Amino acid sequence: MDIFEEIKLKGYAEEYIDPTLDLFDEIEKLKKEKNAVILAHYYQDADIQDIADYIGDSLGLSQQAAKTDADIIVFAGVHFMAETAKILSPTKKVLLPDVKAGCSLADSCPPHLFKKFKEQYPDHLVITYVNCTAELKALSDIVCTSSNAVQIVESLPLEQKIIFGPDKNLGAYVAKKTGRDLVLWNGACMVHEIFSREKITKLKERHPGAKLLAHPECEDVILQMADYIGSTTGILKYATSQPGKEFIVATEPGIIHQMQKDNPDKVFIPAPPNNNCACNDCPHMKRNTLEKLYLCLKNELPEIEVPHDIIVRAVKPIERMLEISAQLGL
């Protein structure tokens, strides 16, 4: 096969788009023609969120897509999210606008190394945060989300030894909340690791009434300052339910688009990182664009595939999490 044909087959080829096209209109036409559903994570650009059928957290979006009769799922997010959609909808075609949209957290935990790590603790149960690869899920006993991690751990017997991965910051937060001694994998998200305590302190001085909302993937030094700690969905709900007018948001600033739409009378300020940038965009999330989404749906590439044996093993810890969540009424 010619190398250029191979590149095109894999969906990496650039394609020129007629600049006069109304991409919103064209995407809507393609959705109907192909019976497709578009999922957008809160961290996506505003125009992608606005064209999506569903907006939310990664696992919730995959669950929502699984309930639809769509033939095609376009996941505007990162690679592990599209993999999760494939795990929960194995008969559907799953597409990712940019196949290079990866994740620093998922990349920080190579499955072959985690497997060796796991073998050092044979009597430990493995809980992995959903923000990981399909292969890592397949090595797990239970999958959790940032919103239910504490409750999942608390549901297990006190004598049960636990490995928690791949996010050390979320794991440390869960250990602190539950009082459990967790064995943590040393992984982290680049976005949530570089918020500046000093800059946030100065920001709070300029906005004394502002509440700091933080994702539990942040380092403990930031979480100690927070008025609220929660998932992206939790942060959005908290900001909507609270009477305050100003909020400092310590997570990827893409979520501010929905926060502002739901609360036009409130002010949302992205928490600054410890570099020269004013906010902390995820470079992987921002690889997806409206143009790439259009081409992805038009050409039905790049397609995300997960080996059948991985799907079979990876779905079990997700089902276990859902069982526990149902028992706890979450």
Protein backbone atom coordinates (compact mmCIF):
# COMPACT_ATOMS: atom_id res chain seq x y z
CA MET A 1 0.00 0.00 0.00
CA ASP A 2 1.27 3.47 -0.91
CA ILE A 3 2.28 5.45 2.20
CA PHE A 4 -0.09 8.28 1.31
CA GLU A 5 -2.97 5.83 0.93
CA GLU A 6 -2.10 4.41 4.35
CA ILE A 7 -2.07 7.87 5.90
CA LYS A 8 -5.43 8.68 4.34
CA LEU A 9 -6.86 5.33 5.46
CA LYS A 10 -5.86 6.07 9.03
CA GLY A 11 -7.52 9.45 8.85
CA TYR A 12 -4.44 11.59 9.28
CA ALA A 13 -4.59 13.36 5.92
CA GLU A 14 -5.39 17.04 5.79
CA GLU A 15 -8.22 18.02 3.52
CA TYR A 16 -9.09 21.45 2.24
CA ILE A 17 -12.55 22.76 3.16
CA ASP A 18 -14.52 25.22 1.11
CA PRO A 19 -14.35 28.40 3.26
CA THR A 20 -17.89 29.36 2.22
CA LEU A 21 -19.37 26.24 3.83
CA ASP A 22 -21.56 26.69 6.91
CA LEU A 23 -19.95 23.95 8.98
CA PHE A 24 -22.73 23.92 11.57
CA ASP A 25 -25.26 23.31 8.82
CA GLU A 26 -23.11 20.72 7.05
CA ILE A 27 -22.48 18.80 10.28
CA GLU A 28 -26.21 18.74 11.03
CA LYS A 29 -26.87 17.32 7.54
CA LEU A 30 -24.20 14.65 7.96
CA LYS A 31 -25.55 13.68 11.40
CA LYS A 32 -28.99 12.97 9.94
CA GLU A 33 -27.62 11.27 6.83
CA LYS A 34 -25.35 8.94 8.78
CA ASN A 35 -27.49 8.52 11.92
CA ALA A 36 -24.68 9.89 14.05
CA VAL A 37 -24.50 11.38 17.52
CA ILE A 38 -21.90 13.94 18.59
CA LEU A 39 -20.49 13.93 22.12
CA ALA A 40 -18.48 16.86 23.45
CA HIS A 41 -16.53 16.95 26.68
CA TYR A 42 -16.77 20.13 28.75
CA TYR A 43 -13.15 20.93 27.85
CA GLN A 44 -13.84 21.26 24.12
CA ASP A 45 -13.93 24.59 22.27
CA ALA A 46 -17.21 26.48 22.50
CA ASP A 47 -18.28 25.88 18.89
CA ILE A 48 -17.88 22.11 19.30
CA GLN A 49 -19.93 22.18 22.51
CA ASP A 50 -22.62 24.16 20.69
CA ILE A 51 -22.94 21.63 17.83
CA ALA A 52 -22.91 18.56 20.12
CA ASP A 53 -25.94 16.43 20.94
CA TYR A 54 -24.63 15.76 24.44
CA ILE A 55 -22.13 17.67 26.60
CA GLY A 56 -20.65 16.32 29.81
CA ASP A 57 -18.03 14.18 31.55
CA SER A 58 -16.34 11.33 29.71
CA LEU A 59 -18.11 8.28 31.19
CA GLY A 60 -21.52 9.95 31.29
CA LEU A 61 -21.23 10.80 27.61
CA SER A 62 -20.35 7.22 26.69
CA GLN A 63 -23.30 5.94 28.71
CA GLN A 64 -25.61 8.44 27.01
CA ALA A 65 -24.39 7.39 23.55
CA ALA A 66 -24.92 3.71 24.39
CA LYS A 67 -28.61 4.43 25.03
CA THR A 68 -29.14 5.94 21.58
CA ASP A 69 -29.92 4.11 18.35
CA ALA A 70 -27.11 5.96 16.55
CA ASP A 71 -24.91 4.01 14.16
CA ILE A 72 -21.98 6.38 14.58
CA ILE A 73 -20.56 8.07 17.69
CA VAL A 74 -18.31 11.08 17.16
CA PHE A 75 -16.50 11.74 20.44
CA ALA A 76 -15.06 15.25 20.60
CA GLY A 77 -12.68 14.58 23.44
CA VAL A 78 -9.49 12.56 23.78
CA HIS A 79 -8.49 9.04 22.80
CA PHE A 80 -9.32 7.19 26.04
CA MET A 81 -12.82 8.71 26.00
CA ALA A 82 -13.47 7.37 22.51
CA GLU A 83 -12.17 3.99 23.69
CA THR A 84 -14.65 4.03 26.58
CA ALA A 85 -17.47 4.79 24.13
CA LYS A 86 -16.38 1.78 22.06
CA ILE A 87 -16.28 -0.44 25.15
CA LEU A 88 -19.88 0.49 26.02
CA SER A 89 -21.09 0.48 22.38
CA PRO A 90 -19.00 -2.24 20.69
CA THR A 91 -21.33 -2.55 17.67
CA LYS A 92 -21.29 1.19 16.91
CA LYS A 93 -18.64 2.97 14.84
CA VAL A 94 -16.72 5.37 17.09
CA LEU A 95 -14.86 8.32 15.59
CA LEU A 96 -12.41 10.84 17.07
CA PRO A 97 -11.90 14.15 15.20
CA ASP A 98 -8.13 14.10 15.79
CA VAL A 99 -6.52 10.72 16.41
CA LYS A 100 -3.56 12.47 18.06
CA ALA A 101 -5.78 13.91 20.81
CA GLY A 102 -4.22 12.00 23.68
CA CYS A 103 -4.10 12.54 27.44
CA SER A 104 -1.14 13.25 29.69
CA LEU A 105 -2.78 11.34 32.56
CA ALA A 106 -3.52 8.25 30.47
CA ASP A 107 -0.01 8.41 29.00
CA SER A 108 1.52 8.56 32.48
CA CYS A 109 0.43 4.98 33.14
CA PRO A 110 1.68 2.54 30.46
CA PRO A 111 -0.32 -0.70 30.89
CA HIS A 112 2.73 -2.99 30.69
CA LEU A 113 4.40 -1.11 33.55
CA PHE A 114 1.20 -0.94 35.59
CA LYS A 115 0.84 -4.72 35.18
CA LYS A 116 4.27 -5.20 36.77
CA PHE A 117 3.37 -2.70 39.50
CA LYS A 118 0.13 -4.58 40.20
CA GLU A 119 2.02 -7.91 40.49
CA GLN A 120 3.96 -6.47 43.44
CA TYR A 121 0.68 -6.27 45.43
CA PRO A 122 -1.12 -9.56 44.74
CA ASP A 123 -3.55 -9.14 47.65
CA HIS A 124 -4.65 -5.66 46.55
CA LEU A 125 -7.81 -4.78 44.65
CA VAL A 126 -7.22 -2.40 41.72
CA ILE A 127 -9.36 0.72 41.35
CA THR A 128 -8.64 2.87 38.33
CA TYR A 129 -9.92 6.32 37.50
CA VAL A 130 -11.94 6.27 34.27
CA ASN A 131 -9.41 8.67 32.70
CA CYS A 132 -7.17 5.85 31.52
CA THR A 133 -6.69 3.59 28.51
CA ALA A 134 -8.87 0.60 27.67
CA GLU A 135 -5.92 -1.68 28.43
CA LEU A 136 -5.59 -0.23 31.91
CA LYS A 137 -9.31 -0.68 32.56
CA ALA A 138 -8.85 -4.31 31.51
CA LEU A 139 -6.25 -4.70 34.30
CA SER A 140 -8.65 -3.29 36.91
CA ASP A 141 -11.21 -4.66 39.36
CA ILE A 142 -13.30 -1.48 39.61
CA VAL A 143 -13.37 1.74 37.60
CA CYS A 144 -14.36 5.00 39.30
CA THR A 145 -15.05 8.60 38.36
CA SER A 146 -13.94 11.77 40.13
CA SER A 147 -17.48 12.14 41.49
CA ASN A 148 -17.83 8.64 42.97
CA ALA A 149 -14.23 7.64 43.83
CA VAL A 150 -14.64 8.40 47.54
CA GLN A 151 -17.90 6.44 47.81
CA ILE A 152 -16.51 3.49 45.84
CA VAL A 153 -13.55 3.18 48.23
CA GLU A 154 -15.77 3.65 51.29
CA SER A 155 -18.03 0.82 50.09
CA LEU A 156 -15.20 -1.71 50.39
CA PRO A 157 -14.29 -3.51 53.66
CA LEU A 158 -11.73 -1.67 55.79
CA GLU A 159 -9.37 -4.64 55.60
CA GLN A 160 -9.40 -4.61 51.78
CA LYS A 161 -6.05 -3.42 50.44
CA ILE A 162 -6.32 -1.14 47.42
CA ILE A 163 -4.17 0.07 44.53
CA PHE A 164 -5.45 3.34 43.09
CA GLY A 165 -4.35 4.68 39.73
CA PRO A 166 -3.44 6.38 37.56
CA ASP A 167 -3.96 9.82 39.16
CA LYS A 168 -1.90 10.31 42.32
CA ASN A 169 -3.64 13.60 43.17
CA LEU A 170 -7.14 12.14 42.97
CA GLY A 171 -5.85 9.10 44.86
CA ALA A 172 -4.38 11.28 47.61
CA TYR A 173 -7.65 13.20 47.85
CA VAL A 174 -9.61 9.93 48.16
CA ALA A 175 -7.17 8.60 50.79
CA LYS A 176 -7.54 11.82 52.79
CA LYS A 177 -11.35 11.76 52.60
CA THR A 178 -11.69 8.07 53.47
CA GLY A 179 -8.78 7.62 55.87
CA ARG A 180 -7.66 4.61 53.83
CA ASP A 181 -4.05 3.72 53.10
CA LEU A 182 -4.06 3.47 49.30
CA VAL A 183 -1.14 2.35 47.16
CA LEU A 184 -0.92 5.07 44.50
CA TRP A 185 0.42 4.95 40.97
CA ASN A 186 2.54 8.03 40.28
CA GLY A 187 0.51 9.56 37.43
CA ALA A 188 -1.03 13.00 36.94
CA CYS A 189 -2.81 15.35 34.54
CA MET A 190 -0.59 18.14 33.19
CA VAL A 191 -3.48 20.63 33.24
CA HIS A 192 -4.38 20.11 36.90
CA GLU A 193 -0.79 19.91 38.14
CA ILE A 194 0.37 23.40 37.20
CA PHE A 195 -2.11 25.70 38.91
CA SER A 196 -0.25 28.34 40.88
CA ARG A 197 -1.07 28.73 44.58
CA GLU A 198 0.63 32.14 44.64
CA LYS A 199 -1.29 33.48 41.62
CA ILE A 200 -4.61 32.11 42.89
CA THR A 201 -3.97 33.75 46.27
CA LYS A 202 -3.39 37.11 44.56
CA LEU A 203 -6.48 36.55 42.42
CA LYS A 204 -8.57 35.92 45.54
CA GLU A 205 -7.21 39.14 47.05
CA ARG A 206 -8.46 41.06 43.99
CA HIS A 207 -11.79 39.19 44.13
CA PRO A 208 -12.43 38.70 47.88
CA GLY A 209 -15.94 37.39 47.36
CA ALA A 210 -14.98 34.80 44.73
CA LYS A 211 -15.20 31.11 45.59
CA LEU A 212 -12.50 28.75 44.36
CA LEU A 213 -13.86 25.64 42.61
CA ALA A 214 -11.32 22.86 42.07
CA HIS A 215 -11.20 19.46 40.42
CA PRO A 216 -9.76 16.70 42.66
CA GLU A 217 -7.05 16.05 40.05
CA CYS A 218 -5.43 19.25 41.36
CA GLU A 219 -2.54 19.07 43.81
CA ASP A 220 -3.40 19.11 47.51
CA VAL A 221 -2.00 22.63 47.96
CA ILE A 222 -4.74 23.89 45.62
CA LEU A 223 -7.46 21.67 47.09
CA GLN A 224 -6.73 23.05 50.56
CA MET A 225 -7.65 26.52 49.27
CA ALA A 226 -10.85 25.40 47.53
CA ASP A 227 -14.38 26.27 48.60
CA TYR A 228 -15.68 23.35 46.57
CA ILE A 229 -13.99 20.21 45.19
CA GLY A 230 -15.72 18.14 42.54
CA SER A 231 -15.94 16.74 39.03
CA THR A 232 -16.56 19.01 36.05
CA THR A 233 -20.28 18.28 36.30
CA GLY A 234 -20.16 18.88 40.04
CA ILE A 235 -18.36 22.19 39.57
CA LEU A 236 -20.96 23.30 37.03
CA LYS A 237 -23.87 22.36 39.29
CA TYR A 238 -22.28 24.03 42.32
CA ALA A 239 -21.72 27.30 40.48
CA THR A 240 -25.34 27.26 39.31
CA SER A 241 -26.81 26.47 42.73
CA GLN A 242 -24.74 28.94 44.77
CA PRO A 243 -25.80 32.58 45.27
CA GLY A 244 -22.28 33.97 44.79
CA LYS A 245 -21.48 36.12 41.77
CA GLU A 246 -17.78 35.38 41.23
CA PHE A 247 -16.01 32.02 40.91
CA ILE A 248 -12.40 31.06 40.27
CA VAL A 249 -12.32 27.81 38.30
CA ALA A 250 -9.39 25.42 38.83
CA THR A 251 -9.91 22.97 36.01
CA GLU A 252 -9.59 23.15 32.21
CA PRO A 253 -11.24 26.45 31.23
CA GLY A 254 -13.36 24.91 28.46
CA ILE A 255 -16.01 24.28 31.12
CA ILE A 256 -16.49 28.03 31.56
CA HIS A 257 -18.46 28.16 28.29
CA GLN A 258 -21.28 26.07 29.79
CA MET A 259 -20.99 27.80 33.17
CA GLN A 260 -21.46 31.16 31.49
CA LYS A 261 -24.36 29.93 29.36
CA ASP A 262 -26.14 28.57 32.44
CA ASN A 263 -25.29 31.62 34.57
CA PRO A 264 -25.05 34.75 32.39
CA ASP A 265 -25.20 37.01 35.46
CA LYS A 266 -22.14 35.44 37.12
CA VAL A 267 -18.41 35.92 36.56
CA PHE A 268 -16.10 32.93 36.04
CA ILE A 269 -12.34 33.40 36.20
CA PRO A 270 -9.94 30.67 35.03
CA ALA A 271 -7.39 29.82 37.71
CA PRO A 272 -3.88 30.79 36.49
CA PRO A 273 -1.09 28.25 36.04
CA ASN A 274 2.50 28.69 37.18
CA ASN A 275 3.69 29.85 33.76
CA ASN A 276 3.16 32.96 31.65
CA CYS A 277 -0.29 31.93 30.38
CA ALA A 278 -3.47 33.50 31.75
CA CYS A 279 -5.35 30.20 31.68
CA ASN A 280 -4.60 26.51 31.47
CA ASP A 281 -5.89 24.96 28.23
CA CYS A 282 -5.41 21.25 27.59
CA PRO A 283 -3.42 21.03 24.34
CA HIS A 284 -4.83 17.55 23.66
CA MET A 285 -8.47 18.60 24.01
CA LYS A 286 -7.85 21.64 21.85
CA ARG A 287 -6.55 19.50 18.96
CA ASN A 288 -10.17 18.94 18.01
CA THR A 289 -11.68 21.69 15.88
CA LEU A 290 -14.99 22.21 14.12
CA GLU A 291 -13.24 21.62 10.79
CA LYS A 292 -11.79 18.30 11.96
CA LEU A 293 -15.16 17.28 13.36
CA TYR A 294 -16.77 17.96 9.97
CA LEU A 295 -14.12 15.96 8.06
CA CYS A 296 -14.27 13.16 10.62
CA LEU A 297 -18.00 12.75 10.13
CA LYS A 298 -17.80 13.21 6.37
CA ASN A 299 -15.05 10.60 5.85
CA GLU A 300 -15.90 8.43 8.90
CA LEU A 301 -12.26 8.59 9.93
CA PRO A 302 -10.30 8.29 12.17
CA GLU A 303 -12.15 5.30 13.62
CA ILE A 304 -11.28 4.06 17.11
CA GLU A 305 -10.99 0.31 17.47
CA VAL A 306 -10.55 -1.68 20.69
CA PRO A 307 -9.65 -5.41 20.53
CA HIS A 308 -12.53 -7.67 21.51
CA ASP A 309 -10.65 -9.31 24.39
CA ILE A 310 -9.86 -5.88 25.86
CA ILE A 311 -13.51 -4.84 25.57
CA VAL A 312 -14.63 -8.01 27.37
CA ARG A 313 -12.19 -7.42 30.24
CA ALA A 314 -12.55 -3.64 30.39
CA VAL A 315 -16.34 -3.62 30.62
CA LYS A 316 -16.33 -5.73 33.80
CA PRO A 317 -14.80 -3.11 36.16
CA ILE A 318 -17.13 -0.49 34.69
CA GLU A 319 -20.12 -2.74 35.38
CA ARG A 320 -18.81 -3.35 38.90
CA MET A 321 -18.68 0.41 39.48
CA LEU A 322 -22.26 0.78 38.22
CA GLU A 323 -23.41 -2.04 40.52
CA ILE A 324 -21.81 -0.38 43.56
CA SER A 325 -23.20 3.01 42.53
CA ALA A 326 -26.70 1.55 42.24
CA GLN A 327 -26.38 -0.07 45.67
CA LEU A 328 -25.28 3.25 47.16
CA GLY A 329 -27.98 5.18 45.36
CA LEU A 330 -25.46 7.37 43.52
